[in-house]
Amino acid sequence: MAHSLSAKKRIRQTAKRRLRNRDRKKIVRVEIKKVTSALAKKDVAETQTAVKDAIKILDRMASRKTLHPNTVARRKSSMMRKLNALKTGK
């Protein structure tokens, strides 16, 4: 258990940030799930809108330091590769 005031404050801040980040990561998971389901339907238009929305959310999470920028880049790249493969019919 923390004894100093600054350590107690740090515990409070960490708890708040953990809850905030958990909610934000949930939003990301939901958006990626929408992309995955649109890809499974093989609907190009729906997949494009889902990818666009997911990229917007991912960029926001990277700017807020919820997710590492490289993680965001990797996920965006993966989604775009799958979208392009769907467009070309591979």
C-alpha atoms as a PDB file:
ATOM      1  CA  MET A   1       0.000   0.000   0.000  1.00  0.00           C
ATOM      2  CA  ALA A   2       1.258   3.452  -0.918  1.00  0.00           C
ATOM      3  CA  HIS A   3       2.110   5.826   1.911  1.00  0.00           C
ATOM      4  CA  SER A   4       3.076   9.104   0.300  1.00  0.00           C
ATOM      5  CA  LEU A   5       0.500  11.476  -1.129  1.00  0.00           C
ATOM      6  CA  SER A   6       2.072  11.398  -4.573  1.00  0.00           C
ATOM      7  CA  ALA A   7       1.988   7.586  -4.653  1.00  0.00           C
ATOM      8  CA  LYS A   8      -1.685   7.603  -3.639  1.00  0.00           C
ATOM      9  CA  LYS A   9      -2.456  10.144  -6.345  1.00  0.00           C
ATOM     10  CA  ARG A  10      -0.578   8.044  -8.883  1.00  0.00           C
ATOM     11  CA  ILE A  11      -2.749   5.031  -7.943  1.00  0.00           C
ATOM     12  CA  ARG A  12      -5.908   7.090  -8.491  1.00  0.00           C
ATOM     13  CA  GLN A  13      -4.661   8.373 -11.849  1.00  0.00           C
ATOM     14  CA  THR A  14      -3.676   4.896 -12.992  1.00  0.00           C
ATOM     15  CA  ALA A  15      -7.082   3.496 -12.100  1.00  0.00           C
ATOM     16  CA  LYS A  16      -8.841   6.237 -14.083  1.00  0.00           C
ATOM     17  CA  ARG A  17      -6.571   5.771 -17.082  1.00  0.00           C
ATOM     18  CA  ARG A  18      -6.975   1.995 -17.002  1.00  0.00           C
ATOM     19  CA  LEU A  19     -10.774   2.308 -17.161  1.00  0.00           C
ATOM     20  CA  ARG A  20     -10.601   4.951 -19.889  1.00  0.00           C
ATOM     21  CA  ASN A  21      -8.173   2.890 -21.982  1.00  0.00           C
ATOM     22  CA  ARG A  22     -10.253  -0.241 -21.506  1.00  0.00           C
ATOM     23  CA  ASP A  23     -13.334   1.542 -22.862  1.00  0.00           C
ATOM     24  CA  ARG A  24     -11.387   2.952 -25.795  1.00  0.00           C
ATOM     25  CA  LYS A  25      -9.928  -0.456 -26.663  1.00  0.00           C
ATOM     26  CA  LYS A  26     -13.437  -1.918 -26.570  1.00  0.00           C
ATOM     27  CA  ILE A  27     -14.487   0.643 -29.187  1.00  0.00           C
ATOM     28  CA  VAL A  28     -11.550  -0.418 -31.364  1.00  0.00           C
ATOM     29  CA  ARG A  29     -12.445  -4.100 -31.033  1.00  0.00           C
ATOM     30  CA  VAL A  30     -16.048  -3.389 -32.045  1.00  0.00           C
ATOM     31  CA  GLU A  31     -14.936  -1.438 -35.133  1.00  0.00           C
ATOM     32  CA  ILE A  32     -12.525  -4.176 -36.197  1.00  0.00           C
ATOM     33  CA  LYS A  33     -15.280  -6.738 -35.706  1.00  0.00           C
ATOM     34  CA  LYS A  34     -17.493  -4.710 -38.074  1.00  0.00           C
ATOM     35  CA  VAL A  35     -14.725  -4.828 -40.682  1.00  0.00           C
ATOM     36  CA  THR A  36     -14.319  -8.567 -40.219  1.00  0.00           C
ATOM     37  CA  SER A  37     -18.031  -9.228 -40.613  1.00  0.00           C
ATOM     38  CA  ALA A  38     -18.203  -7.012 -43.715  1.00  0.00           C
ATOM     39  CA  LEU A  39     -15.257  -8.924 -45.191  1.00  0.00           C
ATOM     40  CA  ALA A  40     -17.017 -12.214 -44.486  1.00  0.00           C
ATOM     41  CA  LYS A  41     -20.077 -10.983 -46.404  1.00  0.00           C
ATOM     42  CA  LYS A  42     -17.770 -10.025 -49.310  1.00  0.00           C
ATOM     43  CA  ASP A  43     -19.573  -6.719 -49.684  1.00  0.00           C
ATOM     44  CA  VAL A  44     -17.065  -4.175 -51.026  1.00  0.00           C
ATOM     45  CA  ALA A  45     -19.091  -1.032 -50.284  1.00  0.00           C
ATOM     46  CA  GLU A  46     -19.892  -2.057 -46.710  1.00  0.00           C
ATOM     47  CA  THR A  47     -16.284  -3.108 -46.131  1.00  0.00           C
ATOM     48  CA  GLN A  48     -14.976   0.213 -47.418  1.00  0.00           C
ATOM     49  CA  THR A  49     -17.152   2.218 -45.035  1.00  0.00           C
ATOM     50  CA  ALA A  50     -16.289  -0.087 -42.135  1.00  0.00           C
ATOM     51  CA  VAL A  51     -12.553   0.218 -42.876  1.00  0.00           C
ATOM     52  CA  LYS A  52     -12.843   4.007 -43.164  1.00  0.00           C
ATOM     53  CA  ASP A  53     -14.583   4.216 -39.772  1.00  0.00           C
ATOM     54  CA  ALA A  54     -12.109   1.815 -38.173  1.00  0.00           C
ATOM     55  CA  ILE A  55      -9.120   3.777 -39.474  1.00  0.00           C
ATOM     56  CA  LYS A  56     -10.568   6.981 -38.067  1.00  0.00           C
ATOM     57  CA  ILE A  57     -11.000   5.357 -34.638  1.00  0.00           C
ATOM     58  CA  LEU A  58      -7.534   3.755 -34.743  1.00  0.00           C
ATOM     59  CA  ASP A  59      -5.866   7.061 -35.604  1.00  0.00           C
ATOM     60  CA  ARG A  60      -7.682   8.727 -32.732  1.00  0.00           C
ATOM     61  CA  MET A  61      -6.481   6.041 -30.322  1.00  0.00           C
ATOM     62  CA  ALA A  62      -2.902   6.452 -31.533  1.00  0.00           C
ATOM     63  CA  SER A  63      -3.033  10.218 -31.061  1.00  0.00           C
ATOM     64  CA  ARG A  64      -4.392   9.774 -27.531  1.00  0.00           C
ATOM     65  CA  LYS A  65      -1.640   7.250 -26.726  1.00  0.00           C
ATOM     66  CA  THR A  66      -4.137   4.494 -25.974  1.00  0.00           C
ATOM     67  CA  LEU A  67      -2.553   2.282 -28.621  1.00  0.00           C
ATOM     68  CA  HIS A  68       1.027   2.337 -29.856  1.00  0.00           C
ATOM     69  CA  PRO A  69       1.374   3.981 -33.281  1.00  0.00           C
ATOM     70  CA  ASN A  70       3.045   0.886 -34.735  1.00  0.00           C
ATOM     71  CA  THR A  71       0.135  -1.275 -33.549  1.00  0.00           C
ATOM     72  CA  VAL A  72      -2.280   1.085 -35.254  1.00  0.00           C
ATOM     73  CA  ALA A  73      -0.214   1.076 -38.450  1.00  0.00           C
ATOM     74  CA  ARG A  74      -0.102  -2.720 -38.467  1.00  0.00           C
ATOM     75  CA  ARG A  75      -3.856  -3.037 -38.021  1.00  0.00           C
ATOM     76  CA  LYS A  76      -4.601  -0.431 -40.680  1.00  0.00           C
ATOM     77  CA  SER A  77      -2.254  -2.149 -43.105  1.00  0.00           C
ATOM     78  CA  SER A  78      -3.849  -5.506 -42.463  1.00  0.00           C
ATOM     79  CA  MET A  79      -7.346  -4.129 -43.050  1.00  0.00           C
ATOM     80  CA  MET A  80      -6.300  -2.375 -46.253  1.00  0.00           C
ATOM     81  CA  ARG A  81      -4.634  -5.524 -47.603  1.00  0.00           C
ATOM     82  CA  LYS A  82      -7.811  -7.508 -46.982  1.00  0.00           C
ATOM     83  CA  LEU A  83      -9.954  -4.782 -48.556  1.00  0.00           C
ATOM     84  CA  ASN A  84      -7.739  -4.598 -51.638  1.00  0.00           C
ATOM     85  CA  ALA A  85      -7.791  -8.384 -51.965  1.00  0.00           C
ATOM     86  CA  LEU A  86     -11.597  -8.264 -51.807  1.00  0.00           C
ATOM     87  CA  LYS A  87     -11.698  -5.568 -54.492  1.00  0.00           C
ATOM     88  CA  THR A  88      -9.475  -7.524 -56.860  1.00  0.00           C
ATOM     89  CA  GLY A  89     -11.296 -10.758 -56.138  1.00  0.00           C
ATOM     90  CA  LYS A  90      -8.337 -12.768 -54.810  1.00  0.00           C
END
